[in-house]
Amino acid sequence: MIYEYRCKECGNVFDVTASIAAKEAGLHPECPSCGSKKAAQVFGAIGILSGTRGGMSGGLGGMAGCGPDMGAGCC
């Protein structure tokens, strides 16, 4: 899973790739900009790494190829 964090020291927003188990165990990522461990998760869409050609799919049920040209009920 990919989680988005914002550093409380410098305001940098960065992504962290971690397993669900690691997240549940208490993830404390280090800001790549300033090195601070004071970061808060930014809640929003969660990316899921996959083995598909697109590389990443939305964690909220998005379907590859879905869009206005696909017709009603595709999403």
PDB file of N, CA and C in Angstrom:
ATOM      1  N   MET A   1       0.844  -1.171   0.000  1.00  0.00           N
ATOM      2  CA  MET A   1       0.000   0.000   0.000  1.00  0.00           C
ATOM      3  C   MET A   1       0.895   1.242   0.000  1.00  0.00           C
ATOM      4  N   ILE A   2       0.371   2.307  -0.568  1.00  0.00           N
ATOM      5  CA  ILE A   2       1.079   3.580  -0.565  1.00  0.00           C
ATOM      6  C   ILE A   2       0.294   4.553   0.310  1.00  0.00           C
ATOM      7  N   TYR A   3       0.968   5.125   1.297  1.00  0.00           N
ATOM      8  CA  TYR A   3       0.351   6.075   2.216  1.00  0.00           C
ATOM      9  C   TYR A   3       0.998   7.431   2.005  1.00  0.00           C
ATOM     10  N   GLU A   4       0.210   8.480   2.123  1.00  0.00           N
ATOM     11  CA  GLU A   4       0.728   9.837   1.970  1.00  0.00           C
ATOM     12  C   GLU A   4       0.860  10.472   3.353  1.00  0.00           C
ATOM     13  N   TYR A   5       2.005  11.085   3.592  1.00  0.00           N
ATOM     14  CA  TYR A   5       2.287  11.738   4.871  1.00  0.00           C
ATOM     15  C   TYR A   5       2.702  13.184   4.643  1.00  0.00           C
ATOM     16  N   ARG A   6       2.460  14.029   5.659  1.00  0.00           N
ATOM     17  CA  ARG A   6       2.922  15.419   5.654  1.00  0.00           C
ATOM     18  C   ARG A   6       3.778  15.615   6.900  1.00  0.00           C
ATOM     19  N   CYS A   7       4.982  16.158   6.683  1.00  0.00           N
ATOM     20  CA  CYS A   7       5.916  16.422   7.780  1.00  0.00           C
ATOM     21  C   CYS A   7       5.388  17.592   8.608  1.00  0.00           C
ATOM     22  N   LYS A   8       5.377  17.420   9.927  1.00  0.00           N
ATOM     23  CA  LYS A   8       4.917  18.483  10.818  1.00  0.00           C
ATOM     24  C   LYS A   8       5.985  19.551  11.025  1.00  0.00           C
ATOM     25  N   GLU A   9       7.222  19.249  10.672  1.00  0.00           N
ATOM     26  CA  GLU A   9       8.321  20.207  10.833  1.00  0.00           C
ATOM     27  C   GLU A   9       8.458  21.138   9.626  1.00  0.00           C
ATOM     28  N   CYS A  10       8.529  20.548   8.411  1.00  0.00           N
ATOM     29  CA  CYS A  10       8.807  21.370   7.223  1.00  0.00           C
ATOM     30  C   CYS A  10       7.629  21.453   6.241  1.00  0.00           C
ATOM     31  N   GLY A  11       6.579  20.652   6.460  1.00  0.00           N
ATOM     32  CA  GLY A  11       5.402  20.696   5.592  1.00  0.00           C
ATOM     33  C   GLY A  11       5.520  19.863   4.324  1.00  0.00           C
ATOM     34  N   ASN A  12       6.642  19.179   4.132  1.00  0.00           N
ATOM     35  CA  ASN A  12       6.836  18.332   2.961  1.00  0.00           C
ATOM     36  C   ASN A  12       5.799  17.201   2.934  1.00  0.00           C
ATOM     37  N   VAL A  13       5.239  16.940   1.759  1.00  0.00           N
ATOM     38  CA  VAL A  13       4.305  15.836   1.577  1.00  0.00           C
ATOM     39  C   VAL A  13       5.045  14.749   0.817  1.00  0.00           C
ATOM     40  N   PHE A  14       4.994  13.509   1.337  1.00  0.00           N
ATOM     41  CA  PHE A  14       5.732  12.409   0.720  1.00  0.00           C
ATOM     42  C   PHE A  14       4.955  11.105   0.852  1.00  0.00           C
ATOM     43  N   ASP A  15       5.286  10.152  -0.019  1.00  0.00           N
ATOM     44  CA  ASP A  15       4.638   8.850  -0.035  1.00  0.00           C
ATOM     45  C   ASP A  15       5.497   7.828   0.690  1.00  0.00           C
ATOM     46  N   VAL A  16       4.823   6.881   1.359  1.00  0.00           N
ATOM     47  CA  VAL A  16       5.495   5.788   2.042  1.00  0.00           C
ATOM     48  C   VAL A  16       4.845   4.491   1.564  1.00  0.00           C
ATOM     49  N   THR A  17       5.659   3.557   1.091  1.00  0.00           N
ATOM     50  CA  THR A  17       5.161   2.247   0.694  1.00  0.00           C
ATOM     51  C   THR A  17       5.382   1.297   1.857  1.00  0.00           C
ATOM     52  N   ALA A  18       4.312   0.678   2.342  1.00  0.00           N
ATOM     53  CA  ALA A  18       4.406  -0.231   3.480  1.00  0.00           C
ATOM     54  C   ALA A  18       3.275  -1.242   3.416  1.00  0.00           C
ATOM     55  N   SER A  19       3.487  -2.376   4.022  1.00  0.00           N
ATOM     56  CA  SER A  19       2.442  -3.392   4.101  1.00  0.00           C
ATOM     57  C   SER A  19       1.387  -2.954   5.121  1.00  0.00           C
ATOM     58  N   ILE A  20       0.234  -3.554   5.045  1.00  0.00           N
ATOM     59  CA  ILE A  20      -0.824  -3.259   6.017  1.00  0.00           C
ATOM     60  C   ILE A  20      -0.356  -3.645   7.417  1.00  0.00           C
ATOM     61  N   ALA A  21       0.357  -4.777   7.523  1.00  0.00           N
ATOM     62  CA  ALA A  21       0.865  -5.224   8.822  1.00  0.00           C
ATOM     63  C   ALA A  21       1.829  -4.193   9.416  1.00  0.00           C
ATOM     64  N   ALA A  22       2.713  -3.642   8.585  1.00  0.00           N
ATOM     65  CA  ALA A  22       3.657  -2.624   9.074  1.00  0.00           C
ATOM     66  C   ALA A  22       2.909  -1.380   9.520  1.00  0.00           C
ATOM     67  N   LYS A  23       1.890  -0.992   8.783  1.00  0.00           N
ATOM     68  CA  LYS A  23       1.080   0.189   9.140  1.00  0.00           C
ATOM     69  C   LYS A  23       0.374  -0.034  10.468  1.00  0.00           C
ATOM     70  N   GLU A  24      -0.204  -1.221  10.641  1.00  0.00           N
ATOM     71  CA  GLU A  24      -0.915  -1.528  11.886  1.00  0.00           C
ATOM     72  C   GLU A  24       0.036  -1.624  13.077  1.00  0.00           C
ATOM     73  N   ALA A  25       1.287  -1.993  12.841  1.00  0.00           N
ATOM     74  CA  ALA A  25       2.275  -2.113  13.909  1.00  0.00           C
ATOM     75  C   ALA A  25       2.767  -0.748  14.390  1.00  0.00           C
ATOM     76  N   GLY A  26       2.464   0.302  13.623  1.00  0.00           N
ATOM     77  CA  GLY A  26       2.863   1.652  14.026  1.00  0.00           C
ATOM     78  C   GLY A  26       3.967   2.203  13.163  1.00  0.00           C
ATOM     79  N   LEU A  27       3.607   2.701  12.032  1.00  0.00           N
ATOM     80  CA  LEU A  27       4.566   3.238  11.074  1.00  0.00           C
ATOM     81  C   LEU A  27       4.954   4.658  11.472  1.00  0.00           C
ATOM     82  N   HIS A  28       6.253   4.941  11.558  1.00  0.00           N
ATOM     83  CA  HIS A  28       6.771   6.273  11.889  1.00  0.00           C
ATOM     84  C   HIS A  28       7.791   6.660  10.826  1.00  0.00           C
ATOM     85  N   PRO A  29       7.312   7.108   9.657  1.00  0.00           N
ATOM     86  CA  PRO A  29       8.232   7.406   8.564  1.00  0.00           C
ATOM     87  C   PRO A  29       9.065   8.655   8.816  1.00  0.00           C
ATOM     88  N   GLU A  30      10.244   8.657   8.201  1.00  0.00           N
ATOM     89  CA  GLU A  30      11.145   9.799   8.293  1.00  0.00           C
ATOM     90  C   GLU A  30      10.953  10.679   7.063  1.00  0.00           C
ATOM     91  N   CYS A  31      10.850  11.974   7.268  1.00  0.00           N
ATOM     92  CA  CYS A  31      10.698  12.914   6.165  1.00  0.00           C
ATOM     93  C   CYS A  31      11.966  12.901   5.314  1.00  0.00           C
ATOM     94  N   PRO A  32      11.823  12.664   4.019  1.00  0.00           N
ATOM     95  CA  PRO A  32      13.008  12.648   3.158  1.00  0.00           C
ATOM     96  C   PRO A  32      13.631  14.034   2.972  1.00  0.00           C
ATOM     97  N   SER A  33      12.898  15.086   3.313  1.00  0.00           N
ATOM     98  CA  SER A  33      13.388  16.445   3.136  1.00  0.00           C
ATOM     99  C   SER A  33      14.222  16.926   4.325  1.00  0.00           C
ATOM    100  N   CYS A  34      13.684  16.739   5.553  1.00  0.00           N
ATOM    101  CA  CYS A  34      14.377  17.282   6.728  1.00  0.00           C
ATOM    102  C   CYS A  34      14.814  16.215   7.734  1.00  0.00           C
ATOM    103  N   GLY A  35      14.375  14.962   7.543  1.00  0.00           N
ATOM    104  CA  GLY A  35      14.783  13.890   8.448  1.00  0.00           C
ATOM    105  C   GLY A  35      13.938  13.750   9.701  1.00  0.00           C
ATOM    106  N   SER A  36      12.939  14.598   9.884  1.00  0.00           N
ATOM    107  CA  SER A  36      12.083  14.542  11.064  1.00  0.00           C
ATOM    108  C   SER A  36      11.223  13.280  11.036  1.00  0.00           C
ATOM    109  N   LYS A  37      10.937  12.745  12.209  1.00  0.00           N
ATOM    110  CA  LYS A  37      10.028  11.608  12.322  1.00  0.00           C
ATOM    111  C   LYS A  37       8.647  12.073  12.780  1.00  0.00           C
ATOM    112  N   LYS A  38       8.401  13.378  12.718  1.00  0.00           N
ATOM    113  CA  LYS A  38       7.116  13.947  13.105  1.00  0.00           C
ATOM    114  C   LYS A  38       6.289  14.163  11.843  1.00  0.00           C
ATOM    115  N   ALA A  39       5.596  13.109  11.434  1.00  0.00           N
ATOM    116  CA  ALA A  39       4.776  13.185  10.225  1.00  0.00           C
ATOM    117  C   ALA A  39       3.392  12.655  10.533  1.00  0.00           C
ATOM    118  N   ALA A  40       2.406  13.223   9.882  1.00  0.00           N
ATOM    119  CA  ALA A  40       1.017  12.790  10.053  1.00  0.00           C
ATOM    120  C   ALA A  40       0.503  12.293   8.708  1.00  0.00           C
ATOM    121  N   GLN A  41      -0.272  11.218   8.764  1.00  0.00           N
ATOM    122  CA  GLN A  41      -0.833  10.677   7.532  1.00  0.00           C
ATOM    123  C   GLN A  41      -1.875  11.632   6.978  1.00  0.00           C
ATOM    124  N   VAL A  42      -1.823  11.824   5.667  1.00  0.00           N
ATOM    125  CA  VAL A  42      -2.806  12.626   4.958  1.00  0.00           C
ATOM    126  C   VAL A  42      -3.853  11.647   4.454  1.00  0.00           C
ATOM    127  N   PHE A  43      -5.091  11.812   4.891  1.00  0.00           N
ATOM    128  CA  PHE A  43      -6.127  10.867   4.495  1.00  0.00           C
ATOM    129  C   PHE A  43      -6.766  11.295   3.196  1.00  0.00           C
ATOM    130  N   GLY A  44      -6.883  10.358   2.316  1.00  0.00           N
ATOM    131  CA  GLY A  44      -7.452  10.562   0.991  1.00  0.00           C
ATOM    132  C   GLY A  44      -7.433   9.232   0.287  1.00  0.00           C
ATOM    133  N   ALA A  45      -7.317   9.251  -1.015  1.00  0.00           N
ATOM    134  CA  ALA A  45      -7.245   8.020  -1.777  1.00  0.00           C
ATOM    135  C   ALA A  45      -5.952   7.289  -1.434  1.00  0.00           C
ATOM    136  N   ILE A  46      -6.039   5.970  -1.341  1.00  0.00           N
ATOM    137  CA  ILE A  46      -4.884   5.135  -1.035  1.00  0.00           C
ATOM    138  C   ILE A  46      -4.523   4.372  -2.290  1.00  0.00           C
ATOM    139  N   GLY A  47      -3.286   4.420  -2.680  1.00  0.00           N
ATOM    140  CA  GLY A  47      -2.837   3.675  -3.844  1.00  0.00           C
ATOM    141  C   GLY A  47      -2.488   2.250  -3.466  1.00  0.00           C
ATOM    142  N   ILE A  48      -2.742   1.325  -4.366  1.00  0.00           N
ATOM    143  CA  ILE A  48      -2.411  -0.069  -4.148  1.00  0.00           C
ATOM    144  C   ILE A  48      -1.480  -0.505  -5.260  1.00  0.00           C
ATOM    145  N   LEU A  49      -0.301  -0.999  -4.886  1.00  0.00           N
ATOM    146  CA  LEU A  49       0.620  -1.503  -5.880  1.00  0.00           C
ATOM    147  C   LEU A  49       0.076  -2.808  -6.432  1.00  0.00           C
ATOM    148  N   SER A  50       0.176  -2.971  -7.727  1.00  0.00           N
ATOM    149  CA  SER A  50      -0.301  -4.203  -8.340  1.00  0.00           C
ATOM    150  C   SER A  50       0.678  -4.659  -9.397  1.00  0.00           C
ATOM    151  N   GLY A  51       0.519  -5.863  -9.854  1.00  0.00           N
ATOM    152  CA  GLY A  51       1.380  -6.393 -10.882  1.00  0.00           C
ATOM    153  C   GLY A  51       0.851  -6.119 -12.277  1.00  0.00           C
ATOM    154  N   THR A  52      -0.194  -5.323 -12.395  1.00  0.00           N
ATOM    155  CA  THR A  52      -0.758  -5.031 -13.703  1.00  0.00           C
ATOM    156  C   THR A  52       0.076  -4.003 -14.429  1.00  0.00           C
ATOM    157  N   ARG A  53      -0.142  -3.868 -15.693  1.00  0.00           N
ATOM    158  CA  ARG A  53       0.654  -2.974 -16.520  1.00  0.00           C
ATOM    159  C   ARG A  53       0.541  -1.518 -16.080  1.00  0.00           C
ATOM    160  N   GLY A  54      -0.575  -1.128 -15.524  1.00  0.00           N
ATOM    161  CA  GLY A  54      -0.742   0.247 -15.063  1.00  0.00           C
ATOM    162  C   GLY A  54       0.119   0.564 -13.864  1.00  0.00           C
ATOM    163  N   GLY A  55       0.544  -0.453 -13.109  1.00  0.00           N
ATOM    164  CA  GLY A  55       1.426  -0.250 -11.971  1.00  0.00           C
ATOM    165  C   GLY A  55       0.708   0.084 -10.692  1.00  0.00           C
ATOM    166  N   MET A  56      -0.333   0.898 -10.775  1.00  0.00           N
ATOM    167  CA  MET A  56      -1.039   1.297  -9.580  1.00  0.00           C
ATOM    168  C   MET A  56      -2.515   1.416  -9.901  1.00  0.00           C
ATOM    169  N   SER A  57      -3.350   1.000  -8.967  1.00  0.00           N
ATOM    170  CA  SER A  57      -4.778   1.187  -9.151  1.00  0.00           C
ATOM    171  C   SER A  57      -5.326   1.883  -7.931  1.00  0.00           C
ATOM    172  N   GLY A  58      -6.380   2.636  -8.091  1.00  0.00           N
ATOM    173  CA  GLY A  58      -6.951   3.353  -6.960  1.00  0.00           C
ATOM    174  C   GLY A  58      -7.522   2.407  -5.934  1.00  0.00           C
ATOM    175  N   GLY A  59      -7.359   2.722  -4.674  1.00  0.00           N
ATOM    176  CA  GLY A  59      -7.856   1.875  -3.608  1.00  0.00           C
ATOM    177  C   GLY A  59      -9.338   2.046  -3.362  1.00  0.00           C
ATOM    178  N   LEU A  60      -9.996   2.884  -4.129  1.00  0.00           N
ATOM    179  CA  LEU A  60     -11.404   3.149  -3.887  1.00  0.00           C
ATOM    180  C   LEU A  60     -12.298   2.513  -4.941  1.00  0.00           C
ATOM    181  N   GLY A  61     -11.821   1.457  -5.576  1.00  0.00           N
ATOM    182  CA  GLY A  61     -12.656   0.720  -6.500  1.00  0.00           C
ATOM    183  C   GLY A  61     -12.593   1.177  -7.933  1.00  0.00           C
ATOM    184  N   GLY A  62     -11.632   2.036  -8.295  1.00  0.00           N
ATOM    185  CA  GLY A  62     -11.510   2.474  -9.674  1.00  0.00           C
ATOM    186  C   GLY A  62     -11.159   1.301 -10.570  1.00  0.00           C
ATOM    187  N   MET A  63     -11.679   1.309 -11.797  1.00  0.00           N
ATOM    188  CA  MET A  63     -11.411   0.223 -12.727  1.00  0.00           C
ATOM    189  C   MET A  63     -10.556   0.741 -13.865  1.00  0.00           C
ATOM    190  N   ALA A  64      -9.589  -0.066 -14.295  1.00  0.00           N
ATOM    191  CA  ALA A  64      -8.753   0.323 -15.421  1.00  0.00           C
ATOM    192  C   ALA A  64      -9.619   0.476 -16.656  1.00  0.00           C
ATOM    193  N   GLY A  65      -9.425   1.547 -17.387  1.00  0.00           N
ATOM    194  CA  GLY A  65     -10.172   1.760 -18.613  1.00  0.00           C
ATOM    195  C   GLY A  65     -11.548   2.358 -18.408  1.00  0.00           C
ATOM    196  N   CYS A  66     -11.927   2.657 -17.205  1.00  0.00           N
ATOM    197  CA  CYS A  66     -13.241   3.209 -16.935  1.00  0.00           C
ATOM    198  C   CYS A  66     -13.207   4.719 -17.203  1.00  0.00           C
ATOM    199  N   GLY A  67     -14.210   5.225 -17.849  1.00  0.00           N
ATOM    200  CA  GLY A  67     -14.259   6.649 -18.131  1.00  0.00           C
ATOM    201  C   GLY A  67     -15.506   6.989 -18.895  1.00  0.00           C
ATOM    202  N   PRO A  68     -15.642   8.243 -19.308  1.00  0.00           N
ATOM    203  CA  PRO A  68     -16.873   8.693 -19.949  1.00  0.00           C
ATOM    204  C   PRO A  68     -17.181   7.968 -21.279  1.00  0.00           C
ATOM    205  N   ASP A  69     -16.158   7.427 -21.937  1.00  0.00           N
ATOM    206  CA  ASP A  69     -16.393   6.740 -23.203  1.00  0.00           C
ATOM    207  C   ASP A  69     -16.771   5.286 -23.026  1.00  0.00           C
ATOM    208  N   MET A  70     -16.786   4.777 -21.808  1.00  0.00           N
ATOM    209  CA  MET A  70     -17.041   3.365 -21.573  1.00  0.00           C
ATOM    210  C   MET A  70     -18.531   3.036 -21.445  1.00  0.00           C
ATOM    211  N   GLY A  71     -19.385   4.020 -21.327  1.00  0.00           N
ATOM    212  CA  GLY A  71     -20.819   3.767 -21.224  1.00  0.00           C
ATOM    213  C   GLY A  71     -21.296   3.719 -19.790  1.00  0.00           C
ATOM    214  N   ALA A  72     -22.589   3.611 -19.643  1.00  0.00           N
ATOM    215  CA  ALA A  72     -23.210   3.628 -18.308  1.00  0.00           C
ATOM    216  C   ALA A  72     -22.881   2.358 -17.541  1.00  0.00           C
ATOM    217  N   GLY A  73     -22.670   2.514 -16.243  1.00  0.00           N
ATOM    218  CA  GLY A  73     -22.480   1.365 -15.355  1.00  0.00           C
ATOM    219  C   GLY A  73     -21.079   0.801 -15.339  1.00  0.00           C
ATOM    220  N   CYS A  74     -20.121   1.431 -15.973  1.00  0.00           N
ATOM    221  CA  CYS A  74     -18.768   0.869 -16.007  1.00  0.00           C
ATOM    222  C   CYS A  74     -18.054   1.051 -14.684  1.00  0.00           C
ATOM    223  N   CYS A  75     -18.450   2.020 -13.882  1.00  0.00           N
ATOM    224  CA  CYS A  75     -17.731   2.301 -12.645  1.00  0.00           C
ATOM    225  C   CYS A  75     -18.569   1.934 -11.450  1.00  0.00           C
TER     226      CYS A  75
END
